[in-house]
Protein backbone atom coordinates (compact mmCIF):
# COMPACT_ATOMS: atom_id res chain seq x y z
CA MET A 1 30.18 19.90 67.92
CA THR A 2 27.47 21.47 70.05
CA LYS A 3 26.57 20.24 73.49
CA GLU A 4 23.23 18.86 72.28
CA THR A 5 24.89 16.96 69.43
CA LYS A 6 27.38 15.40 71.83
CA ILE A 7 24.56 14.28 74.10
CA ILE A 8 22.62 12.73 71.21
CA VAL A 9 25.72 10.94 69.91
CA GLY A 10 26.46 9.66 73.41
CA VAL A 11 22.93 8.35 73.89
CA LEU A 12 22.93 6.62 70.49
CA ALA A 13 26.36 5.11 71.09
CA GLY A 14 25.26 3.87 74.51
CA ALA A 15 22.12 2.32 73.05
CA ALA A 16 24.09 0.61 70.31
CA LEU A 17 26.64 -0.69 72.80
CA GLY A 18 23.91 -1.93 75.13
CA ALA A 19 22.13 -3.75 72.32
CA THR A 20 25.39 -5.29 71.17
CA ILE A 21 26.26 -6.52 74.64
CA ALA A 22 22.75 -7.94 75.08
CA LEU A 23 23.07 -9.86 71.81
CA ALA A 24 26.53 -11.10 72.70
CA LEU A 25 25.46 -12.32 76.13
CA SER A 26 22.11 -13.81 75.19
CA SER A 27 22.04 -17.58 75.45
CA ASP A 28 20.46 -18.15 72.04
CA SER A 29 22.84 -15.97 70.01
CA SER A 30 24.96 -17.92 67.59
CA ASN A 31 28.67 -17.64 66.99
CA ASP A 32 27.86 -16.04 63.64
CA VAL A 33 26.26 -13.02 65.35
CA LYS A 34 29.19 -12.75 67.74
CA ASP A 35 31.67 -12.92 64.84
CA LYS A 36 29.81 -10.21 62.92
CA LEU A 37 29.74 -7.96 65.97
CA SER A 38 33.40 -8.57 66.62
CA ASP A 39 34.24 -7.68 63.02
CA TRP A 40 32.06 -4.57 63.20
CA PHE A 41 33.75 -3.33 66.39
CA SER A 42 37.16 -4.10 64.92
CA ASP A 43 36.34 -2.06 61.81
CA LEU A 44 34.97 0.74 63.97
CA LEU A 45 38.14 0.80 66.04
CA ASP A 46 40.36 0.85 62.94
CA THR A 47 38.34 3.70 61.42
CA SER A 48 38.50 5.66 64.67
CA LYS A 49 42.27 5.22 64.84
CA GLU A 50 42.64 6.47 61.26
CA LYS A 51 40.47 9.52 61.90
CA LEU A 52 42.33 10.35 65.12
CA SER A 53 45.63 10.01 63.29
CA ASP A 54 44.44 12.37 60.55
CA LEU A 55 43.18 14.82 63.16
CA ALA A 56 46.52 14.69 65.00
CA GLY A 57 48.34 15.40 61.74
CA LYS A 58 46.11 18.38 61.00
CA ALA A 59 46.54 19.69 64.55
CA GLY A 60 50.31 19.43 64.17
CA GLY A 61 50.15 21.40 60.93
CA VAL A 62 48.06 24.12 62.54
CA ALA A 63 50.45 24.27 65.51
CA ASP A 64 53.40 24.73 63.14
CA LYS A 65 51.60 27.57 61.35
CA VAL A 66 50.82 29.27 64.65
CA LYS A 67 54.48 28.97 65.73
CA ASP A 68 55.59 30.49 62.42
CA LYS A 69 53.17 33.41 62.80
CA ILE A 70 54.32 34.03 66.36
CA SER A 71 57.94 34.00 65.19
CA GLU A 72 57.09 36.56 62.47
CA ILE A 73 55.35 38.81 64.99
CA LYS A 74 58.29 38.67 67.42
CA ALA A 75 60.82 39.45 64.65
């Protein structure tokens, strides 16, 4: 991910978080809106955990391949 892309993603995430917090804290927001936001954040967290787990698995596989190649070179 390029530096510009990271900045754009950060700004959009910050805006979304700010809007969510404003809705959650506003006095006229109903429990329905709060429940939907809670569900959305829960789903987002679960998806993030799954993606990080997949990424960790792939990184482990790459690390094993690198170790094998280094062992072949040393032999």
